[in-house]
């Protein structure tokens, strides 16, 4: 998530951010997967189909416009149909980032700068 977030740097998560409204596309969220914590950007919302064409993310057949710093996606990924309780997250540095569908229960809040 460079340059906005640096690995090992303390980050703050607003755990109340999603009490009254769900995560939105483009939000940077804190995730807990097992014992590990991650910061990732929300790319896909529940029920959407996410595809990857060359270095472009396609959501429901339309290219995703990304206005933040992104390194290109260099590997091939299969399309993903999200379930009602899933979000698709990716890091901004796509060449070396964890990507995938996560359950809403794994999202612990919205990242703050």
PDB file of N, CA and C in Angstrom:
ATOM      1  N   UNK A   1       0.815  -1.189   0.000  1.00  0.00           N
ATOM      2  CA  UNK A   1       0.000   0.000   0.000  1.00  0.00           C
ATOM      3  C   UNK A   1       0.865   1.262   0.000  1.00  0.00           C
ATOM      4  N   UNK A   2       2.141   1.102  -0.356  1.00  0.00           N
ATOM      5  CA  UNK A   2       3.022   2.264  -0.478  1.00  0.00           C
ATOM      6  C   UNK A   2       2.486   3.212  -1.542  1.00  0.00           C
ATOM      7  N   UNK A   3       2.636   4.473  -1.451  1.00  0.00           N
ATOM      8  CA  UNK A   3       3.393   5.224  -0.453  1.00  0.00           C
ATOM      9  C   UNK A   3       2.563   5.657   0.748  1.00  0.00           C
ATOM     10  N   UNK A   4       1.261   5.393   0.754  1.00  0.00           N
ATOM     11  CA  UNK A   4       0.409   5.878   1.842  1.00  0.00           C
ATOM     12  C   UNK A   4       0.602   5.135   3.150  1.00  0.00           C
ATOM     13  N   UNK A   5       0.856   3.846   3.076  1.00  0.00           N
ATOM     14  CA  UNK A   5       1.018   3.027   4.267  1.00  0.00           C
ATOM     15  C   UNK A   5       2.322   2.255   4.131  1.00  0.00           C
ATOM     16  N   UNK A   6       3.099   2.220   5.197  1.00  0.00           N
ATOM     17  CA  UNK A   6       4.398   1.556   5.180  1.00  0.00           C
ATOM     18  C   UNK A   6       4.335   0.332   6.072  1.00  0.00           C
ATOM     19  N   UNK A   7       4.850  -0.808   5.573  1.00  0.00           N
ATOM     20  CA  UNK A   7       4.841  -2.054   6.323  1.00  0.00           C
ATOM     21  C   UNK A   7       5.548  -1.862   7.658  1.00  0.00           C
ATOM     22  N   UNK A   8       4.909  -2.291   8.717  1.00  0.00           N
ATOM     23  CA  UNK A   8       5.488  -2.192  10.050  1.00  0.00           C
ATOM     24  C   UNK A   8       5.175  -0.887  10.761  1.00  0.00           C
ATOM     25  N   UNK A   9       4.667   0.093  10.041  1.00  0.00           N
ATOM     26  CA  UNK A   9       4.312   1.383  10.638  1.00  0.00           C
ATOM     27  C   UNK A   9       2.989   1.231  11.386  1.00  0.00           C
ATOM     28  N   UNK A  10       2.849   1.843  12.560  1.00  0.00           N
ATOM     29  CA  UNK A  10       1.546   1.780  13.251  1.00  0.00           C
ATOM     30  C   UNK A  10       0.469   2.474  12.411  1.00  0.00           C
ATOM     31  N   UNK A  11      -0.682   1.836  12.317  1.00  0.00           N
ATOM     32  CA  UNK A  11      -1.821   2.404  11.596  1.00  0.00           C
ATOM     33  C   UNK A  11      -3.033   2.357  12.499  1.00  0.00           C
ATOM     34  N   UNK A  12      -3.930   3.298  12.292  1.00  0.00           N
ATOM     35  CA  UNK A  12      -5.138   3.378  13.098  1.00  0.00           C
ATOM     36  C   UNK A  12      -6.331   2.906  12.283  1.00  0.00           C
ATOM     37  N   UNK A  13      -7.201   2.137  12.920  1.00  0.00           N
ATOM     38  CA  UNK A  13      -8.394   1.598  12.280  1.00  0.00           C
ATOM     39  C   UNK A  13      -9.614   2.124  13.027  1.00  0.00           C
ATOM     40  N   UNK A  14     -10.540   2.720  12.288  1.00  0.00           N
ATOM     41  CA  UNK A  14     -11.796   3.172  12.866  1.00  0.00           C
ATOM     42  C   UNK A  14     -12.748   1.978  12.876  1.00  0.00           C
ATOM     43  N   UNK A  15     -12.927   1.367  14.031  1.00  0.00           N
ATOM     44  CA  UNK A  15     -13.768   0.169  14.156  1.00  0.00           C
ATOM     45  C   UNK A  15     -15.264   0.490  14.093  1.00  0.00           C
ATOM     46  N   UNK A  16     -15.621   1.757  14.190  1.00  0.00           N
ATOM     47  CA  UNK A  16     -17.029   2.154  14.136  1.00  0.00           C
ATOM     48  C   UNK A  16     -17.448   2.653  12.755  1.00  0.00           C
ATOM     49  N   UNK A  17     -16.519   2.724  11.824  1.00  0.00           N
ATOM     50  CA  UNK A  17     -16.797   3.315  10.504  1.00  0.00           C
ATOM     51  C   UNK A  17     -17.924   2.605   9.768  1.00  0.00           C
ATOM     52  N   UNK A  18     -18.075   1.318   9.964  1.00  0.00           N
ATOM     53  CA  UNK A  18     -19.052   0.557   9.191  1.00  0.00           C
ATOM     54  C   UNK A  18     -20.250   0.097  10.027  1.00  0.00           C
ATOM     55  N   UNK A  19     -20.494   0.775  11.132  1.00  0.00           N
ATOM     56  CA  UNK A  19     -21.661   0.451  11.945  1.00  0.00           C
ATOM     57  C   UNK A  19     -22.943   0.875  11.227  1.00  0.00           C
ATOM     58  N   UNK A  20     -22.922   2.057  10.610  1.00  0.00           N
ATOM     59  CA  UNK A  20     -24.145   2.568   9.981  1.00  0.00           C
ATOM     60  C   UNK A  20     -24.155   2.454   8.460  1.00  0.00           C
ATOM     61  N   UNK A  21     -23.019   2.155   7.850  1.00  0.00           N
ATOM     62  CA  UNK A  21     -22.943   2.019   6.386  1.00  0.00           C
ATOM     63  C   UNK A  21     -21.865   1.002   6.042  1.00  0.00           C
ATOM     64  N   UNK A  22     -22.069   0.220   4.977  1.00  0.00           N
ATOM     65  CA  UNK A  22     -21.085  -0.804   4.616  1.00  0.00           C
ATOM     66  C   UNK A  22     -19.856  -0.196   3.944  1.00  0.00           C
ATOM     67  N   UNK A  23     -18.768  -0.969   3.840  1.00  0.00           N
ATOM     68  CA  UNK A  23     -17.591  -0.497   3.113  1.00  0.00           C
ATOM     69  C   UNK A  23     -17.942  -0.145   1.664  1.00  0.00           C
ATOM     70  N   UNK A  24     -17.253   0.861   1.138  1.00  0.00           N
ATOM     71  CA  UNK A  24     -17.473   1.313  -0.231  1.00  0.00           C
ATOM     72  C   UNK A  24     -16.237   1.011  -1.074  1.00  0.00           C
ATOM     73  N   UNK A  25     -16.435   0.936  -2.374  1.00  0.00           N
ATOM     74  CA  UNK A  25     -15.320   0.723  -3.298  1.00  0.00           C
ATOM     75  C   UNK A  25     -14.306   1.862  -3.119  1.00  0.00           C
ATOM     76  N   UNK A  26     -13.045   1.497  -3.028  1.00  0.00           N
ATOM     77  CA  UNK A  26     -11.988   2.484  -2.852  1.00  0.00           C
ATOM     78  C   UNK A  26     -11.564   2.680  -1.414  1.00  0.00           C
ATOM     79  N   UNK A  27     -12.379   2.238  -0.456  1.00  0.00           N
ATOM     80  CA  UNK A  27     -11.998   2.346   0.956  1.00  0.00           C
ATOM     81  C   UNK A  27     -10.773   1.479   1.224  1.00  0.00           C
ATOM     82  N   UNK A  28      -9.903   1.960   2.104  1.00  0.00           N
ATOM     83  CA  UNK A  28      -8.808   1.135   2.616  1.00  0.00           C
ATOM     84  C   UNK A  28      -9.288   0.601   3.957  1.00  0.00           C
ATOM     85  N   UNK A  29      -9.328  -0.714   4.058  1.00  0.00           N
ATOM     86  CA  UNK A  29      -9.878  -1.355   5.244  1.00  0.00           C
ATOM     87  C   UNK A  29      -8.821  -2.159   5.979  1.00  0.00           C
ATOM     88  N   UNK A  30      -9.043  -2.319   7.272  1.00  0.00           N
ATOM     89  CA  UNK A  30      -8.233  -3.213   8.076  1.00  0.00           C
ATOM     90  C   UNK A  30      -8.881  -4.573   8.065  1.00  0.00           C
ATOM     91  N   UNK A  31      -8.088  -5.605   7.822  1.00  0.00           N
ATOM     92  CA  UNK A  31      -8.575  -6.986   7.778  1.00  0.00           C
ATOM     93  C   UNK A  31      -7.856  -7.802   8.832  1.00  0.00           C
ATOM     94  N   UNK A  32      -8.568  -8.733   9.409  1.00  0.00           N
ATOM     95  CA  UNK A  32      -7.928  -9.724  10.265  1.00  0.00           C
ATOM     96  C   UNK A  32      -8.190 -11.081   9.656  1.00  0.00           C
ATOM     97  N   UNK A  33      -7.106 -11.761   9.323  1.00  0.00           N
ATOM     98  CA  UNK A  33      -7.170 -13.113   8.773  1.00  0.00           C
ATOM     99  C   UNK A  33      -6.307 -13.983   9.686  1.00  0.00           C
ATOM    100  N   UNK A  34      -6.974 -14.784  10.509  1.00  0.00           N
ATOM    101  CA  UNK A  34      -6.250 -15.562  11.510  1.00  0.00           C
ATOM    102  C   UNK A  34      -5.630 -14.609  12.525  1.00  0.00           C
ATOM    103  N   UNK A  35      -4.332 -14.743  12.729  1.00  0.00           N
ATOM    104  CA  UNK A  35      -3.609 -13.870  13.664  1.00  0.00           C
ATOM    105  C   UNK A  35      -3.027 -12.632  12.974  1.00  0.00           C
ATOM    106  N   UNK A  36      -3.128 -12.570  11.657  1.00  0.00           N
ATOM    107  CA  UNK A  36      -2.506 -11.493  10.882  1.00  0.00           C
ATOM    108  C   UNK A  36      -3.492 -10.360  10.605  1.00  0.00           C
ATOM    109  N   UNK A  37      -2.944  -9.145  10.507  1.00  0.00           N
ATOM    110  CA  UNK A  37      -3.715  -7.952  10.161  1.00  0.00           C
ATOM    111  C   UNK A  37      -3.158  -7.368   8.871  1.00  0.00           C
ATOM    112  N   UNK A  38      -4.046  -6.894   7.993  1.00  0.00           N
ATOM    113  CA  UNK A  38      -3.643  -6.341   6.709  1.00  0.00           C
ATOM    114  C   UNK A  38      -4.410  -5.050   6.441  1.00  0.00           C
ATOM    115  N   UNK A  39      -3.839  -4.201   5.598  1.00  0.00           N
ATOM    116  CA  UNK A  39      -4.539  -3.052   5.038  1.00  0.00           C
ATOM    117  C   UNK A  39      -4.685  -3.317   3.553  1.00  0.00           C
ATOM    118  N   UNK A  40      -5.917  -3.276   3.050  1.00  0.00           N
ATOM    119  CA  UNK A  40      -6.185  -3.524   1.635  1.00  0.00           C
ATOM    120  C   UNK A  40      -7.285  -2.595   1.159  1.00  0.00           C
ATOM    121  N   UNK A  41      -7.335  -2.384  -0.156  1.00  0.00           N
ATOM    122  CA  UNK A  41      -8.337  -1.517  -0.757  1.00  0.00           C
ATOM    123  C   UNK A  41      -9.516  -2.348  -1.253  1.00  0.00           C
ATOM    124  N   UNK A  42     -10.728  -1.881  -0.980  1.00  0.00           N
ATOM    125  CA  UNK A  42     -11.941  -2.552  -1.441  1.00  0.00           C
ATOM    126  C   UNK A  42     -12.093  -2.276  -2.938  1.00  0.00           C
ATOM    127  N   UNK A  43     -12.135  -3.349  -3.726  1.00  0.00           N
ATOM    128  CA  UNK A  43     -12.273  -3.270  -5.176  1.00  0.00           C
ATOM    129  C   UNK A  43     -13.659  -3.731  -5.607  1.00  0.00           C
ATOM    130  N   UNK A  44     -14.152  -4.802  -4.999  1.00  0.00           N
ATOM    131  CA  UNK A  44     -15.443  -5.365  -5.379  1.00  0.00           C
ATOM    132  C   UNK A  44     -16.396  -5.438  -4.205  1.00  0.00           C
ATOM    133  N   UNK A  45     -17.665  -5.191  -4.490  1.00  0.00           N
ATOM    134  CA  UNK A  45     -18.716  -5.196  -3.477  1.00  0.00           C
ATOM    135  C   UNK A  45     -19.543  -6.477  -3.575  1.00  0.00           C
ATOM    136  N   UNK A  46     -20.291  -6.811  -2.524  1.00  0.00           N
ATOM    137  CA  UNK A  46     -21.078  -8.047  -2.536  1.00  0.00           C
ATOM    138  C   UNK A  46     -21.951  -8.182  -3.785  1.00  0.00           C
ATOM    139  N   UNK A  47     -21.926  -9.396  -4.359  1.00  0.00           N
ATOM    140  CA  UNK A  47     -22.741  -9.706  -5.528  1.00  0.00           C
ATOM    141  C   UNK A  47     -22.121  -9.342  -6.861  1.00  0.00           C
ATOM    142  N   UNK A  48     -20.984  -8.650  -6.876  1.00  0.00           N
ATOM    143  CA  UNK A  48     -20.376  -8.226  -8.135  1.00  0.00           C
ATOM    144  C   UNK A  48     -19.479  -9.316  -8.720  1.00  0.00           C
ATOM    145  N   UNK A  49     -19.249  -9.226 -10.034  1.00  0.00           N
ATOM    146  CA  UNK A  49     -18.318 -10.116 -10.722  1.00  0.00           C
ATOM    147  C   UNK A  49     -17.057  -9.320 -11.020  1.00  0.00           C
ATOM    148  N   UNK A  50     -15.911  -9.853 -10.590  1.00  0.00           N
ATOM    149  CA  UNK A  50     -14.619  -9.203 -10.767  1.00  0.00           C
ATOM    150  C   UNK A  50     -13.817 -10.013 -11.777  1.00  0.00           C
ATOM    151  N   UNK A  51     -13.315  -9.334 -12.816  1.00  0.00           N
ATOM    152  CA  UNK A  51     -12.481  -9.976 -13.831  1.00  0.00           C
ATOM    153  C   UNK A  51     -11.195  -9.190 -13.978  1.00  0.00           C
ATOM    154  N   UNK A  52     -10.205  -9.820 -14.587  1.00  0.00           N
ATOM    155  CA  UNK A  52      -8.904  -9.201 -14.772  1.00  0.00           C
ATOM    156  C   UNK A  52      -8.502  -9.348 -16.233  1.00  0.00           C
ATOM    157  N   UNK A  53      -8.366  -8.235 -16.917  1.00  0.00           N
ATOM    158  CA  UNK A  53      -7.983  -8.248 -18.331  1.00  0.00           C
ATOM    159  C   UNK A  53      -6.717  -7.427 -18.482  1.00  0.00           C
ATOM    160  N   UNK A  54      -5.623  -8.142 -18.763  1.00  0.00           N
ATOM    161  CA  UNK A  54      -4.291  -7.550 -18.793  1.00  0.00           C
ATOM    162  C   UNK A  54      -4.022  -6.913 -17.445  1.00  0.00           C
ATOM    163  N   UNK A  55      -3.779  -5.607 -17.368  1.00  0.00           N
ATOM    164  CA  UNK A  55      -3.526  -4.990 -16.064  1.00  0.00           C
ATOM    165  C   UNK A  55      -4.725  -4.166 -15.592  1.00  0.00           C
ATOM    166  N   UNK A  56      -5.926  -4.484 -16.104  1.00  0.00           N
ATOM    167  CA  UNK A  56      -7.139  -3.751 -15.759  1.00  0.00           C
ATOM    168  C   UNK A  56      -8.091  -4.629 -14.958  1.00  0.00           C
ATOM    169  N   UNK A  57      -8.640  -4.060 -13.895  1.00  0.00           N
ATOM    170  CA  UNK A  57      -9.677  -4.739 -13.116  1.00  0.00           C
ATOM    171  C   UNK A  57     -11.016  -4.368 -13.745  1.00  0.00           C
ATOM    172  N   UNK A  58     -11.860  -5.367 -13.996  1.00  0.00           N
ATOM    173  CA  UNK A  58     -13.165  -5.157 -14.615  1.00  0.00           C
ATOM    174  C   UNK A  58     -14.238  -5.591 -13.614  1.00  0.00           C
ATOM    175  N   UNK A  59     -15.165  -4.678 -13.322  1.00  0.00           N
ATOM    176  CA  UNK A  59     -16.241  -4.946 -12.366  1.00  0.00           C
ATOM    177  C   UNK A  59     -17.565  -4.939 -13.121  1.00  0.00           C
ATOM    178  N   UNK A  60     -18.246  -6.080 -13.103  1.00  0.00           N
ATOM    179  CA  UNK A  60     -19.532  -6.217 -13.809  1.00  0.00           C
ATOM    180  C   UNK A  60     -19.433  -5.756 -15.262  1.00  0.00           C
ATOM    181  N   UNK A  61     -18.333  -6.114 -15.923  1.00  0.00           N
ATOM    182  CA  UNK A  61     -18.167  -5.813 -17.341  1.00  0.00           C
ATOM    183  C   UNK A  61     -17.630  -4.423 -17.656  1.00  0.00           C
ATOM    184  N   UNK A  62     -17.372  -3.595 -16.640  1.00  0.00           N
ATOM    185  CA  UNK A  62     -16.884  -2.238 -16.870  1.00  0.00           C
ATOM    186  C   UNK A  62     -15.509  -2.069 -16.227  1.00  0.00           C
ATOM    187  N   UNK A  63     -14.543  -1.483 -16.950  1.00  0.00           N
ATOM    188  CA  UNK A  63     -13.217  -1.248 -16.365  1.00  0.00           C
ATOM    189  C   UNK A  63     -13.315  -0.360 -15.122  1.00  0.00           C
ATOM    190  N   UNK A  64     -12.565  -0.724 -14.106  1.00  0.00           N
ATOM    191  CA  UNK A  64     -12.550   0.040 -12.863  1.00  0.00           C
ATOM    192  C   UNK A  64     -11.617   1.233 -13.015  1.00  0.00           C
ATOM    193  N   UNK A  65     -12.133   2.427 -12.757  1.00  0.00           N
ATOM    194  CA  UNK A  65     -11.302   3.630 -12.777  1.00  0.00           C
ATOM    195  C   UNK A  65     -10.662   3.775 -11.409  1.00  0.00           C
ATOM    196  N   UNK A  66      -9.330   3.744 -11.399  1.00  0.00           N
ATOM    197  CA  UNK A  66      -8.587   3.836 -10.146  1.00  0.00           C
ATOM    198  C   UNK A  66      -7.729   5.098 -10.181  1.00  0.00           C
ATOM    199  N   UNK A  67      -7.971   5.997  -9.234  1.00  0.00           N
ATOM    200  CA  UNK A  67      -7.292   7.290  -9.225  1.00  0.00           C
ATOM    201  C   UNK A  67      -6.174   7.356  -8.196  1.00  0.00           C
ATOM    202  N   UNK A  68      -5.862   6.267  -7.574  1.00  0.00           N
ATOM    203  CA  UNK A  68      -4.800   6.217  -6.585  1.00  0.00           C
ATOM    204  C   UNK A  68      -3.597   5.522  -7.218  1.00  0.00           C
ATOM    205  N   UNK A  69      -2.486   5.603  -6.575  1.00  0.00           N
ATOM    206  CA  UNK A  69      -1.255   5.005  -7.089  1.00  0.00           C
ATOM    207  C   UNK A  69      -1.396   3.486  -7.140  1.00  0.00           C
ATOM    208  N   UNK A  70      -1.203   2.915  -8.306  1.00  0.00           N
ATOM    209  CA  UNK A  70      -1.343   1.467  -8.478  1.00  0.00           C
ATOM    210  C   UNK A  70      -0.191   0.952  -9.327  1.00  0.00           C
ATOM    211  N   UNK A  71       0.432  -0.112  -8.861  1.00  0.00           N
ATOM    212  CA  UNK A  71       1.384  -0.834  -9.706  1.00  0.00           C
ATOM    213  C   UNK A  71       0.588  -1.881 -10.456  1.00  0.00           C
ATOM    214  N   UNK A  72       0.962  -2.187 -11.693  1.00  0.00           N
ATOM    215  CA  UNK A  72       0.137  -3.095 -12.503  1.00  0.00           C
ATOM    216  C   UNK A  72       0.107  -4.528 -11.974  1.00  0.00           C
ATOM    217  N   UNK A  73      -0.998  -5.174 -12.266  1.00  0.00           N
ATOM    218  CA  UNK A  73      -1.179  -6.579 -11.932  1.00  0.00           C
ATOM    219  C   UNK A  73      -0.438  -7.404 -12.984  1.00  0.00           C
ATOM    220  N   UNK A  74       0.548  -8.187 -12.558  1.00  0.00           N
ATOM    221  CA  UNK A  74       1.399  -8.899 -13.506  1.00  0.00           C
ATOM    222  C   UNK A  74       1.051 -10.374 -13.654  1.00  0.00           C
ATOM    223  N   UNK A  75       0.172 -10.880 -12.849  1.00  0.00           N
ATOM    224  CA  UNK A  75      -0.166 -12.295 -12.955  1.00  0.00           C
ATOM    225  C   UNK A  75      -1.605 -12.461 -13.419  1.00  0.00           C
ATOM    226  N   UNK A  76      -1.917 -13.656 -13.876  1.00  0.00           N
ATOM    227  CA  UNK A  76      -3.259 -13.947 -14.380  1.00  0.00           C
ATOM    228  C   UNK A  76      -4.122 -14.469 -13.243  1.00  0.00           C
ATOM    229  N   UNK A  77      -5.318 -13.897 -13.122  1.00  0.00           N
ATOM    230  CA  UNK A  77      -6.263 -14.330 -12.102  1.00  0.00           C
ATOM    231  C   UNK A  77      -7.578 -14.705 -12.765  1.00  0.00           C
ATOM    232  N   UNK A  78      -8.224 -15.713 -12.226  1.00  0.00           N
ATOM    233  CA  UNK A  78      -9.536 -16.118 -12.709  1.00  0.00           C
ATOM    234  C   UNK A  78     -10.584 -15.118 -12.237  1.00  0.00           C
ATOM    235  N   UNK A  79     -11.698 -15.039 -12.945  1.00  0.00           N
ATOM    236  CA  UNK A  79     -12.770 -14.146 -12.526  1.00  0.00           C
ATOM    237  C   UNK A  79     -13.386 -14.658 -11.221  1.00  0.00           C
ATOM    238  N   UNK A  80     -13.997 -13.732 -10.475  1.00  0.00           N
ATOM    239  CA  UNK A  80     -14.557 -14.054  -9.171  1.00  0.00           C
ATOM    240  C   UNK A  80     -15.982 -13.504  -9.106  1.00  0.00           C
ATOM    241  N   UNK A  81     -16.923 -14.344  -8.706  1.00  0.00           N
ATOM    242  CA  UNK A  81     -18.294 -13.902  -8.448  1.00  0.00           C
ATOM    243  C   UNK A  81     -18.448 -13.805  -6.934  1.00  0.00           C
ATOM    244  N   UNK A  82     -18.633 -12.600  -6.416  1.00  0.00           N
ATOM    245  CA  UNK A  82     -18.719 -12.405  -4.974  1.00  0.00           C
ATOM    246  C   UNK A  82     -20.087 -12.803  -4.438  1.00  0.00           C
ATOM    247  N   UNK A  83     -20.088 -13.380  -3.268  1.00  0.00           N
ATOM    248  CA  UNK A  83     -21.332 -13.741  -2.583  1.00  0.00           C
ATOM    249  C   UNK A  83     -21.871 -12.517  -1.842  1.00  0.00           C
ATOM    250  N   UNK A  84     -23.024 -12.679  -1.239  1.00  0.00           N
ATOM    251  CA  UNK A  84     -23.695 -11.563  -0.562  1.00  0.00           C
ATOM    252  C   UNK A  84     -22.905 -11.023   0.634  1.00  0.00           C
ATOM    253  N   UNK A  85     -22.020 -11.823   1.213  1.00  0.00           N
ATOM    254  CA  UNK A  85     -21.273 -11.379   2.388  1.00  0.00           C
ATOM    255  C   UNK A  85     -19.774 -11.220   2.105  1.00  0.00           C
ATOM    256  N   UNK A  86     -19.399 -11.045   0.826  1.00  0.00           N
ATOM    257  CA  UNK A  86     -17.984 -10.958   0.462  1.00  0.00           C
ATOM    258  C   UNK A  86     -17.642  -9.632  -0.216  1.00  0.00           C
ATOM    259  N   UNK A  87     -16.395  -9.217   0.025  1.00  0.00           N
ATOM    260  CA  UNK A  87     -15.797  -8.069  -0.640  1.00  0.00           C
ATOM    261  C   UNK A  87     -14.518  -8.538  -1.293  1.00  0.00           C
ATOM    262  N   UNK A  88     -14.145  -7.928  -2.417  1.00  0.00           N
ATOM    263  CA  UNK A  88     -12.872  -8.265  -3.049  1.00  0.00           C
ATOM    264  C   UNK A  88     -11.897  -7.163  -2.714  1.00  0.00           C
ATOM    265  N   UNK A  89     -10.736  -7.542  -2.166  1.00  0.00           N
ATOM    266  CA  UNK A  89      -9.727  -6.566  -1.747  1.00  0.00           C
ATOM    267  C   UNK A  89      -8.412  -6.830  -2.460  1.00  0.00           C
ATOM    268  N   UNK A  90      -7.675  -5.747  -2.689  1.00  0.00           N
ATOM    269  CA  UNK A  90      -6.340  -5.821  -3.288  1.00  0.00           C
ATOM    270  C   UNK A  90      -5.482  -4.727  -2.680  1.00  0.00           C
ATOM    271  N   UNK A  91      -4.198  -4.948  -2.678  1.00  0.00           N
ATOM    272  CA  UNK A  91      -3.282  -3.874  -2.320  1.00  0.00           C
ATOM    273  C   UNK A  91      -3.039  -2.999  -3.533  1.00  0.00           C
ATOM    274  N   UNK A  92      -2.579  -1.784  -3.311  1.00  0.00           N
ATOM    275  CA  UNK A  92      -2.292  -0.878  -4.421  1.00  0.00           C
ATOM    276  C   UNK A  92      -1.060  -1.316  -5.201  1.00  0.00           C
ATOM    277  N   UNK A  93      -0.137  -1.991  -4.547  1.00  0.00           N
ATOM    278  CA  UNK A  93       1.080  -2.482  -5.195  1.00  0.00           C
ATOM    279  C   UNK A  93       0.816  -3.890  -5.704  1.00  0.00           C
ATOM    280  N   UNK A  94       0.152  -3.973  -6.828  1.00  0.00           N
ATOM    281  CA  UNK A  94      -0.374  -5.246  -7.324  1.00  0.00           C
ATOM    282  C   UNK A  94       0.696  -6.267  -7.675  1.00  0.00           C
ATOM    283  N   UNK A  95       1.935  -5.844  -7.859  1.00  0.00           N
ATOM    284  CA  UNK A  95       2.981  -6.800  -8.225  1.00  0.00           C
ATOM    285  C   UNK A  95       3.371  -7.710  -7.066  1.00  0.00           C
ATOM    286  N   UNK A  96       3.064  -7.296  -5.837  1.00  0.00           N
ATOM    287  CA  UNK A  96       3.493  -8.112  -4.685  1.00  0.00           C
ATOM    288  C   UNK A  96       2.471  -8.093  -3.561  1.00  0.00           C
ATOM    289  N   UNK A  97       1.200  -8.087  -3.909  1.00  0.00           N
ATOM    290  CA  UNK A  97       0.168  -7.912  -2.901  1.00  0.00           C
ATOM    291  C   UNK A  97      -0.783  -9.097  -2.823  1.00  0.00           C
ATOM    292  N   UNK A  98      -1.291  -9.346  -1.620  1.00  0.00           N
ATOM    293  CA  UNK A  98      -2.340 -10.337  -1.426  1.00  0.00           C
ATOM    294  C   UNK A  98      -3.634  -9.798  -2.019  1.00  0.00           C
ATOM    295  N   UNK A  99      -4.357 -10.647  -2.712  1.00  0.00           N
ATOM    296  CA  UNK A  99      -5.638 -10.245  -3.290  1.00  0.00           C
ATOM    297  C   UNK A  99      -6.661 -11.337  -3.006  1.00  0.00           C
ATOM    298  N   UNK A 100      -7.928 -10.970  -3.054  1.00  0.00           N
ATOM    299  CA  UNK A 100      -8.941 -12.004  -2.949  1.00  0.00           C
ATOM    300  C   UNK A 100     -10.215 -11.550  -2.294  1.00  0.00           C
ATOM    301  N   UNK A 101     -11.151 -12.487  -2.253  1.00  0.00           N
ATOM    302  CA  UNK A 101     -12.445 -12.253  -1.619  1.00  0.00           C
ATOM    303  C   UNK A 101     -12.300 -12.488  -0.122  1.00  0.00           C
ATOM    304  N   UNK A 102     -12.886 -11.585   0.654  1.00  0.00           N
ATOM    305  CA  UNK A 102     -12.896 -11.733   2.108  1.00  0.00           C
ATOM    306  C   UNK A 102     -14.319 -11.585   2.610  1.00  0.00           C
ATOM    307  N   UNK A 103     -14.633 -12.300   3.663  1.00  0.00           N
ATOM    308  CA  UNK A 103     -15.962 -12.182   4.272  1.00  0.00           C
ATOM    309  C   UNK A 103     -16.043 -10.871   5.048  1.00  0.00           C
ATOM    310  N   UNK A 104     -17.226 -10.339   5.123  1.00  0.00           N
ATOM    311  CA  UNK A 104     -17.437  -9.075   5.823  1.00  0.00           C
ATOM    312  C   UNK A 104     -16.975  -9.180   7.285  1.00  0.00           C
ATOM    313  N   UNK A 105     -17.035 -10.355   7.864  1.00  0.00           N
ATOM    314  CA  UNK A 105     -16.599 -10.550   9.252  1.00  0.00           C
ATOM    315  C   UNK A 105     -15.114 -10.301   9.436  1.00  0.00           C
ATOM    316  N   UNK A 106     -14.328 -10.425   8.367  1.00  0.00           N
ATOM    317  CA  UNK A 106     -12.878 -10.212   8.450  1.00  0.00           C
ATOM    318  C   UNK A 106     -12.503  -8.731   8.391  1.00  0.00           C
ATOM    319  N   UNK A 107     -13.440  -7.879   7.996  1.00  0.00           N
ATOM    320  CA  UNK A 107     -13.164  -6.440   7.934  1.00  0.00           C
ATOM    321  C   UNK A 107     -13.396  -5.859   9.309  1.00  0.00           C
ATOM    322  N   UNK A 108     -12.318  -5.319   9.907  1.00  0.00           N
ATOM    323  CA  UNK A 108     -12.420  -4.814  11.278  1.00  0.00           C
ATOM    324  C   UNK A 108     -12.656  -3.309  11.343  1.00  0.00           C
ATOM    325  N   UNK A 109     -12.499  -2.608  10.216  1.00  0.00           N
ATOM    326  CA  UNK A 109     -12.760  -1.177  10.211  1.00  0.00           C
ATOM    327  C   UNK A 109     -12.082  -0.489   9.046  1.00  0.00           C
ATOM    328  N   UNK A 110     -12.234   0.827   9.021  1.00  0.00           N
ATOM    329  CA  UNK A 110     -11.670   1.654   7.956  1.00  0.00           C
ATOM    330  C   UNK A 110     -10.339   2.227   8.414  1.00  0.00           C
ATOM    331  N   UNK A 111      -9.331   2.116   7.542  1.00  0.00           N
ATOM    332  CA  UNK A 111      -8.000   2.623   7.878  1.00  0.00           C
ATOM    333  C   UNK A 111      -8.008   4.149   7.855  1.00  0.00           C
ATOM    334  N   UNK A 112      -7.281   4.729   8.810  1.00  0.00           N
ATOM    335  CA  UNK A 112      -7.098   6.168   8.890  1.00  0.00           C
ATOM    336  C   UNK A 112      -5.645   6.489   8.580  1.00  0.00           C
ATOM    337  N   UNK A 113      -5.396   7.683   8.065  1.00  0.00           N
ATOM    338  CA  UNK A 113      -4.006   8.085   7.794  1.00  0.00           C
ATOM    339  C   UNK A 113      -3.320   8.477   9.068  1.00  0.00           C
TER     340      UNK A 113
END
